[in-house]
Amino acid sequence: MTNPIQHIEHCKLSFILSGGGTGGHFYPALAIANKLKEHFPDASILFVGAIGKIEMDKAPLAGYPIEGLNIGGFQRSNMFRNLGLPYKILGSLLRSRQILKKYKPAVVIGTGGYASFPLIYIASRQKIPSLIQEQNFFPGLTNKYLAKYVNKVCTVYDGMEKYFPASKIVVTGNPVRESLQDTGSKRNEAYDFFGLDKNIKTLLILGGSLGARTINRALVGGLDALMQIPGIQVLWQSGKIYYENILGRLNNKIPSNVKLIPFIDQMDYAYAIADLVVCRAGAISLSELAIVKKPVILIPSPNVAEDHQTKNALSLTDKDAAIFIRDDLAMEELIPAIVNLFADPARMNLLANNISKFAKPDATENIVKEIIELINYNKQ
């Protein structure tokens, strides 16, 4: 098969990626950016995000410049806070027009979240090739709206025609961090990195980039019972906003076999040593867990639009690929579920094998191929 890159003139290309607000939208964009850089080492890559959100710090740390938009999402819980939203949207649309004029991208890529709306919308209206990537089984409002304007929609699941134009859909899978492709070889250095014992089992607790209050409360309340499980240690990502509160509730007395961290940057190391994972059911987390082949207890967040995390979780539990606990039952059910799984290695192996069937390790490469096709089409 002819390499599609051969059809692209050897000139310096520019790409703009937009998506954020949470790690679930930002990290797919980062994975795509890194893969684009592999294909086009001389390319100029810019991120566009929302001022004050995770992407404004994380993109520069990853080596990419970022432009911020003064925009926020629709507040269902406090309608008064939406009064200024039309002005923010208008300002962000005008700022997006300026950014596009300055950087002249070959393709604009959106990975969801309200930060991506102004840029992708203006790009599509200016006939700049555009692509969006939807991580979830139930798409967000931004991507549902933008789908009618963009050239392509990359999805994880079949059957998304009910939300997007069928002619634009390409099932690619979710882009995940390249570093997760071979975590098994990193186990020894990962134990050293976290200061944990390689001779005992590790429970990995994750609450996403912002933390998860219910998971943290269940762990604080059940920590004594958890410590009764023989031969385990805990790597616990609390989220930055909960870290000090947890320390206070535990009177700064963290058991020696518990490593409490506000945020884990080295997720490849965390997955490398995890024997069991407890986390929310964000789409990117599930795609990562399938790649690294880890048994997981899912506690979907109830605070997301259209309850899409529950839908994500059910897509796995229906195939016996995860344990599902409702958020309002986590205080009573989480610790017993952890105890039961550590006592049943065969069950953990079954969950790990079943979740691995959902893995799509070539997802990022597939998305970049679609981007390359848009460049080629635009040059015809």
Protein backbone atom coordinates (compact mmCIF):
# COMPACT_ATOMS: atom_id res chain seq x y z
CA MET A 1 0.00 0.00 0.00
CA THR A 2 1.25 3.49 -0.85
CA ASN A 3 2.34 5.52 2.12
CA PRO A 4 -0.04 8.52 2.32
CA ILE A 5 2.77 10.70 3.63
CA GLN A 6 4.51 10.40 0.26
CA HIS A 7 1.76 12.54 -1.24
CA ILE A 8 2.47 15.44 1.12
CA GLU A 9 4.93 18.05 -0.06
CA HIS A 10 8.01 18.40 2.11
CA CYS A 11 7.05 21.69 3.67
CA LYS A 12 6.67 22.69 7.28
CA LEU A 13 3.16 21.84 8.38
CA SER A 14 1.20 23.41 11.20
CA PHE A 15 -1.38 21.64 13.35
CA ILE A 16 -3.64 22.97 16.07
CA LEU A 17 -5.17 20.69 18.70
CA SER A 18 -7.91 21.74 21.06
CA GLY A 19 -9.56 19.84 23.86
CA GLY A 20 -9.39 19.97 27.60
CA GLY A 21 -10.96 20.95 30.85
CA THR A 22 -10.07 17.49 32.19
CA GLY A 23 -7.35 14.95 31.51
CA GLY A 24 -9.89 12.84 29.64
CA HIS A 25 -9.99 15.44 26.88
CA PHE A 26 -6.41 16.72 27.09
CA TYR A 27 -4.42 13.47 27.09
CA PRO A 28 -5.93 12.15 23.82
CA ALA A 29 -4.90 15.43 22.20
CA LEU A 30 -1.41 15.04 23.63
CA ALA A 31 -1.13 11.49 22.29
CA ILE A 32 -2.18 12.68 18.83
CA ALA A 33 0.30 15.57 18.96
CA ASN A 34 3.17 13.25 19.87
CA LYS A 35 2.28 10.86 17.05
CA LEU A 36 2.07 13.76 14.56
CA LYS A 37 5.53 14.82 15.70
CA GLU A 38 6.82 11.33 14.90
CA HIS A 39 5.48 11.57 11.34
CA PHE A 40 6.38 15.24 10.84
CA PRO A 41 9.38 16.15 13.03
CA ASP A 42 9.50 19.70 11.65
CA ALA A 43 5.80 20.37 12.17
CA SER A 44 4.59 23.31 14.23
CA ILE A 45 2.06 22.07 16.80
CA LEU A 46 -0.07 24.39 18.91
CA PHE A 47 -2.59 23.61 21.64
CA VAL A 48 -5.62 25.77 22.34
CA GLY A 49 -7.34 25.37 25.71
CA ALA A 50 -9.44 27.06 28.35
CA ILE A 51 -7.74 29.51 30.70
CA GLY A 52 -7.37 28.03 34.17
CA LYS A 53 -7.80 24.40 33.12
CA ILE A 54 -5.40 21.46 33.20
CA GLU A 55 -4.19 21.86 29.63
CA MET A 56 -2.71 25.31 30.33
CA ASP A 57 -0.07 23.69 32.56
CA LYS A 58 0.25 20.25 30.99
CA ALA A 59 0.82 21.27 27.36
CA PRO A 60 3.93 23.40 28.12
CA LEU A 61 5.27 20.65 30.39
CA ALA A 62 4.98 18.30 27.40
CA GLY A 63 6.89 20.77 25.23
CA TYR A 64 4.02 22.36 23.31
CA PRO A 65 2.96 26.01 23.20
CA ILE A 66 -0.64 26.76 24.11
CA GLU A 67 -3.06 29.64 23.58
CA GLY A 68 -5.82 30.12 26.15
CA LEU A 69 -9.44 31.03 25.54
CA ASN A 70 -11.56 32.74 28.19
CA ILE A 71 -14.43 30.28 27.97
CA GLY A 72 -16.39 28.08 30.35
CA GLY A 73 -19.01 25.38 30.16
CA PHE A 74 -22.74 25.61 30.77
CA GLN A 75 -23.48 25.47 34.51
CA ARG A 76 -26.53 23.31 35.16
CA SER A 77 -26.29 23.70 38.94
CA ASN A 78 -26.04 27.50 38.98
CA MET A 79 -27.90 29.20 36.15
CA PHE A 80 -26.82 32.66 37.34
CA ARG A 81 -23.24 31.83 36.40
CA ASN A 82 -24.30 31.38 32.76
CA LEU A 83 -25.18 35.06 32.30
CA GLY A 84 -21.72 35.91 30.99
CA LEU A 85 -21.37 32.79 28.85
CA PRO A 86 -22.56 34.36 25.54
CA TYR A 87 -19.89 37.06 25.86
CA LYS A 88 -17.22 34.46 26.59
CA ILE A 89 -18.26 32.43 23.56
CA LEU A 90 -18.21 35.49 21.30
CA GLY A 91 -14.81 36.55 22.61
CA SER A 92 -13.45 33.02 22.14
CA LEU A 93 -14.75 32.86 18.57
CA LEU A 94 -12.99 36.12 17.76
CA ARG A 95 -9.79 34.95 19.46
CA SER A 96 -9.96 31.65 17.57
CA ARG A 97 -10.18 33.56 14.30
CA GLN A 98 -6.99 35.44 15.24
CA ILE A 99 -5.18 32.22 16.17
CA LEU A 100 -6.12 30.52 12.89
CA LYS A 101 -5.00 33.55 10.87
CA LYS A 102 -1.64 33.60 12.66
CA TYR A 103 -0.81 29.87 12.60
CA LYS A 104 -2.47 28.81 9.29
CA PRO A 105 -2.89 25.13 10.26
CA ALA A 106 -3.06 22.32 7.72
CA VAL A 107 -5.57 20.52 9.97
CA VAL A 108 -7.35 21.40 13.20
CA ILE A 109 -8.10 18.54 15.64
CA GLY A 110 -10.59 18.61 18.51
CA THR A 111 -10.83 16.08 21.32
CA GLY A 112 -13.90 17.39 23.11
CA GLY A 113 -14.72 19.70 25.95
CA TYR A 114 -16.06 23.22 25.64
CA ALA A 115 -12.57 24.62 24.95
CA SER A 116 -12.57 22.95 21.53
CA PHE A 117 -15.85 24.45 20.30
CA PRO A 118 -14.80 27.97 19.21
CA LEU A 119 -11.65 26.90 17.38
CA ILE A 120 -13.13 23.90 15.55
CA TYR A 121 -16.25 25.83 14.60
CA ILE A 122 -14.35 28.78 13.12
CA ALA A 123 -11.87 26.47 11.34
CA SER A 124 -14.66 24.50 9.70
CA ARG A 125 -16.43 27.68 8.58
CA GLN A 126 -13.14 28.83 7.03
CA LYS A 127 -12.86 25.51 5.15
CA ILE A 128 -9.78 24.48 7.10
CA PRO A 129 -9.73 20.66 7.29
CA SER A 130 -10.97 19.58 10.70
CA LEU A 131 -11.40 16.37 12.65
CA ILE A 132 -12.89 15.58 16.05
CA GLN A 133 -12.28 12.56 18.25
CA GLU A 134 -15.01 11.28 20.57
CA GLN A 135 -13.86 9.14 23.49
CA ASN A 136 -17.19 8.07 24.96
CA PHE A 137 -20.06 5.76 24.12
CA PHE A 138 -22.36 8.75 24.66
CA PRO A 139 -20.82 11.86 23.06
CA GLY A 140 -20.60 15.26 24.68
CA LEU A 141 -22.62 18.26 23.54
CA THR A 142 -19.61 19.97 21.95
CA ASN A 143 -18.77 17.09 19.63
CA LYS A 144 -22.42 16.39 18.80
CA TYR A 145 -22.79 20.00 17.66
CA LEU A 146 -19.47 20.17 15.79
CA ALA A 147 -20.01 16.91 13.89
CA LYS A 148 -22.16 18.60 11.25
CA TYR A 149 -19.30 20.99 10.38
CA VAL A 150 -16.10 18.92 10.54
CA ASN A 151 -14.68 16.61 7.86
CA LYS A 152 -14.23 13.50 10.01
CA VAL A 153 -15.36 12.07 13.34
CA CYS A 154 -13.12 9.44 14.96
CA THR A 155 -14.94 7.21 17.44
CA VAL A 156 -14.21 4.29 19.74
CA TYR A 157 -17.45 2.35 19.29
CA ASP A 158 -19.53 1.08 16.40
CA GLY A 159 -23.11 2.28 16.11
CA MET A 160 -22.41 5.99 16.60
CA GLU A 161 -24.54 6.90 13.57
CA LYS A 162 -27.33 7.90 15.96
CA TYR A 163 -25.16 10.84 17.06
CA PHE A 164 -22.94 11.67 14.07
CA PRO A 165 -23.28 11.72 10.25
CA ALA A 166 -22.51 8.16 9.13
CA SER A 167 -20.39 9.34 6.17
CA LYS A 168 -17.94 11.09 8.51
CA ILE A 169 -17.44 8.34 11.12
CA VAL A 170 -14.21 6.36 11.33
CA VAL A 171 -13.87 3.84 14.18
CA THR A 172 -10.29 4.27 15.38
CA GLY A 173 -10.28 3.67 19.13
CA ASN A 174 -9.07 6.05 21.82
CA PRO A 175 -5.56 7.49 21.60
CA VAL A 176 -3.52 6.60 24.68
CA ARG A 177 -0.07 7.49 25.85
CA GLU A 178 2.69 5.75 23.88
CA SER A 179 4.46 4.98 27.17
CA LEU A 180 1.68 2.51 28.09
CA GLN A 181 2.44 0.11 25.26
CA ASP A 182 5.08 -1.84 27.20
CA THR A 183 4.61 -1.34 30.93
CA GLY A 184 5.72 -4.87 31.82
CA SER A 185 9.36 -4.03 31.16
CA LYS A 186 9.21 -1.11 33.61
CA ARG A 187 8.15 -2.94 36.76
CA ASN A 188 11.47 -2.86 38.63
CA GLU A 189 12.18 0.81 37.95
CA ALA A 190 8.54 1.64 38.78
CA TYR A 191 8.81 0.04 42.24
CA ASP A 192 11.97 2.07 42.85
CA PHE A 193 10.34 5.26 41.55
CA PHE A 194 7.44 5.04 44.01
CA GLY A 195 9.48 3.51 46.83
CA LEU A 196 7.27 0.41 47.00
CA ASP A 197 8.02 -3.26 47.67
CA LYS A 198 8.22 -5.40 44.53
CA ASN A 199 7.52 -8.55 46.53
CA ILE A 200 3.92 -7.70 47.48
CA LYS A 201 0.72 -6.91 45.57
CA THR A 202 -0.16 -3.31 44.70
CA LEU A 203 -3.61 -1.72 44.78
CA LEU A 204 -3.75 1.37 42.55
CA ILE A 205 -6.39 3.97 43.45
CA LEU A 206 -7.15 6.62 40.82
CA GLY A 207 -9.66 9.44 40.79
CA GLY A 208 -8.77 11.03 37.48
CA SER A 209 -6.82 14.26 37.13
CA LEU A 210 -9.13 16.10 39.55
CA GLY A 211 -9.57 13.36 42.13
CA ALA A 212 -12.78 11.57 43.13
CA ARG A 213 -14.41 12.48 46.44
CA THR A 214 -16.43 9.27 46.84
CA ILE A 215 -13.44 7.01 46.19
CA ASN A 216 -11.28 9.02 48.59
CA ARG A 217 -13.95 8.95 51.32
CA ALA A 218 -14.40 5.20 50.94
CA LEU A 219 -10.64 4.65 51.24
CA VAL A 220 -10.29 6.90 54.29
CA GLY A 221 -13.21 5.16 56.01
CA GLY A 222 -12.04 1.68 55.10
CA LEU A 223 -8.29 2.03 55.35
CA ASP A 224 -8.02 0.04 58.57
CA ALA A 225 -9.95 -2.85 57.00
CA LEU A 226 -7.84 -2.59 53.87
CA MET A 227 -4.65 -2.90 55.88
CA GLN A 228 -5.89 -6.26 57.18
CA ILE A 229 -5.45 -7.80 53.71
CA PRO A 230 -2.19 -9.74 53.92
CA GLY A 231 0.60 -8.78 51.56
CA ILE A 232 -0.71 -5.66 49.82
CA GLN A 233 0.41 -2.06 49.44
CA VAL A 234 -1.54 0.94 48.14
CA LEU A 235 -0.58 3.56 45.57
CA TRP A 236 -3.24 6.24 46.00
CA GLN A 237 -3.72 9.22 43.70
CA SER A 238 -5.94 11.55 45.69
CA GLY A 239 -6.27 14.50 43.31
CA LYS A 240 -4.70 17.82 44.27
CA ILE A 241 -7.87 19.31 45.72
CA TYR A 242 -8.36 16.41 48.16
CA TYR A 243 -4.79 15.73 49.26
CA GLU A 244 -4.61 18.04 52.29
CA ASN A 245 -8.11 17.04 53.41
CA ILE A 246 -7.15 13.36 53.39
CA LEU A 247 -3.99 14.05 55.37
CA GLY A 248 -6.08 15.92 57.92
CA ARG A 249 -8.67 13.14 58.23
CA LEU A 250 -5.89 10.62 58.76
CA ASN A 251 -4.13 12.93 61.25
CA ASN A 252 -1.08 12.85 58.97
CA LYS A 253 -0.61 9.19 59.92
CA ILE A 254 -0.24 7.38 56.63
CA PRO A 255 0.51 3.64 56.99
CA SER A 256 3.98 2.70 55.78
CA ASN A 257 2.57 0.53 52.98
CA VAL A 258 0.39 3.36 51.61
CA LYS A 259 1.83 5.88 49.14
CA LEU A 260 -0.50 8.91 48.96
CA ILE A 261 0.19 11.23 46.00
CA PRO A 262 -1.80 14.27 44.81
CA PHE A 263 -1.22 13.49 41.14
CA ILE A 264 0.67 10.77 39.27
CA ASP A 265 2.53 11.99 36.19
CA GLN A 266 4.24 8.65 35.51
CA MET A 267 1.12 6.63 34.75
CA ASP A 268 3.14 4.01 32.87
CA TYR A 269 4.98 3.28 36.13
CA ALA A 270 1.72 3.21 38.11
CA TYR A 271 0.13 0.70 35.74
CA ALA A 272 3.33 -1.34 35.59
CA ILE A 273 3.09 -2.28 39.28
CA ALA A 274 -0.71 -2.35 39.68
CA ASP A 275 -2.28 -5.72 40.46
CA LEU A 276 -5.77 -4.23 40.90
CA VAL A 277 -7.08 -0.78 39.95
CA VAL A 278 -9.93 1.26 41.43
CA CYS A 279 -11.04 4.24 39.36
CA ARG A 280 -13.80 6.23 37.70
CA ALA A 281 -15.07 5.11 34.30
CA GLY A 282 -13.72 7.85 32.07
CA ALA A 283 -13.26 6.69 28.51
CA ILE A 284 -9.51 7.23 28.37
CA SER A 285 -8.94 5.38 31.64
CA LEU A 286 -10.84 2.39 30.26
CA SER A 287 -8.84 2.42 27.03
CA GLU A 288 -5.61 2.57 29.03
CA LEU A 289 -6.68 -0.29 31.29
CA ALA A 290 -7.43 -2.43 28.24
CA ILE A 291 -3.96 -1.72 26.84
CA VAL A 292 -2.17 -2.53 30.11
CA LYS A 293 -4.50 -5.48 30.83
CA LYS A 294 -5.42 -4.74 34.45
CA PRO A 295 -8.40 -5.93 36.54
CA VAL A 296 -10.46 -2.96 37.64
CA ILE A 297 -13.26 -1.90 39.97
CA LEU A 298 -15.17 0.95 38.32
CA ILE A 299 -17.09 3.61 40.26
CA PRO A 300 -18.61 5.87 37.57
CA SER A 301 -18.88 9.53 38.42
CA PRO A 302 -22.50 10.69 38.73
CA ASN A 303 -21.46 14.28 37.98
CA VAL A 304 -20.96 14.03 34.21
CA ALA A 305 -23.30 14.93 31.38
CA GLU A 306 -25.81 12.24 30.37
CA ASP A 307 -24.26 9.81 32.89
CA HIS A 308 -21.85 8.70 30.18
CA GLN A 309 -19.40 7.09 32.63
CA THR A 310 -22.04 4.56 33.66
CA LYS A 311 -22.61 3.75 29.98
CA ASN A 312 -18.84 3.35 29.54
CA ALA A 313 -18.67 1.01 32.54
CA LEU A 314 -21.60 -1.13 31.41
CA SER A 315 -19.93 -1.70 28.05
CA LEU A 316 -17.22 -3.56 30.03
CA THR A 317 -19.24 -5.21 32.78
CA ASP A 318 -21.60 -6.67 30.20
CA LYS A 319 -18.57 -8.64 28.96
CA ASP A 320 -17.35 -9.56 32.47
CA ALA A 321 -14.37 -7.25 31.96
CA ALA A 322 -14.74 -5.10 35.09
CA ILE A 323 -16.49 -4.83 38.48
CA PHE A 324 -19.09 -2.03 38.65
CA ILE A 325 -20.05 -0.25 41.90
CA ARG A 326 -22.49 2.64 41.94
CA ASP A 327 -21.16 5.87 43.41
CA ASP A 328 -23.84 5.98 46.11
CA LEU A 329 -22.93 2.44 47.23
CA ALA A 330 -19.15 2.82 47.23
CA MET A 331 -18.88 3.57 50.96
CA GLU A 332 -20.41 0.18 51.78
CA GLU A 333 -19.25 -1.96 48.84
CA LEU A 334 -15.78 -0.84 47.73
CA ILE A 335 -13.60 -2.25 50.52
CA PRO A 336 -15.38 -5.66 50.56
CA ALA A 337 -15.01 -5.84 46.76
CA ILE A 338 -11.27 -5.17 47.03
CA VAL A 339 -10.90 -7.79 49.77
CA ASN A 340 -12.82 -10.38 47.74
CA LEU A 341 -10.79 -9.82 44.58
CA PHE A 342 -7.42 -10.07 46.29
CA ALA A 343 -8.65 -13.37 47.74
CA ASP A 344 -9.58 -14.61 44.24
CA PRO A 345 -6.60 -14.42 41.83
CA ALA A 346 -8.45 -16.47 39.21
CA ARG A 347 -11.21 -13.87 39.10
CA MET A 348 -8.66 -11.07 38.70
CA ASN A 349 -6.98 -12.93 35.84
CA LEU A 350 -10.33 -13.40 34.11
CA LEU A 351 -11.13 -9.68 34.39
CA ALA A 352 -7.69 -8.76 33.05
CA ASN A 353 -8.01 -11.11 30.07
CA ASN A 354 -11.50 -9.88 29.23
CA ILE A 355 -10.67 -6.18 29.40
CA SER A 356 -7.66 -6.73 27.14
CA LYS A 357 -10.07 -7.74 24.35
CA PHE A 358 -11.15 -4.08 24.18
CA ALA A 359 -7.59 -2.85 23.52
CA LYS A 360 -6.89 -0.88 20.36
CA PRO A 361 -3.15 -0.24 20.50
CA ASP A 362 -3.05 1.36 17.04
CA ALA A 363 -5.72 3.98 17.77
CA THR A 364 -3.41 7.00 17.73
CA GLU A 365 -1.77 5.88 14.49
CA ASN A 366 -5.19 5.34 12.94
CA ILE A 367 -6.26 8.88 13.84
CA VAL A 368 -3.07 10.36 12.39
CA LYS A 369 -3.70 8.46 9.14
CA GLU A 370 -7.09 10.17 8.94
CA ILE A 371 -5.39 13.54 9.51
CA ILE A 372 -2.90 12.78 6.72
CA GLU A 373 -5.76 11.92 4.39
CA LEU A 374 -7.31 15.33 5.10
CA ILE A 375 -4.02 17.03 4.19
CA ASN A 376 -3.78 15.07 0.95
CA TYR A 377 -7.39 15.78 0.04
CA ASN A 378 -6.93 19.48 0.67
CA LYS A 379 -3.88 19.58 -1.61
CA GLN A 380 -5.74 18.04 -4.58
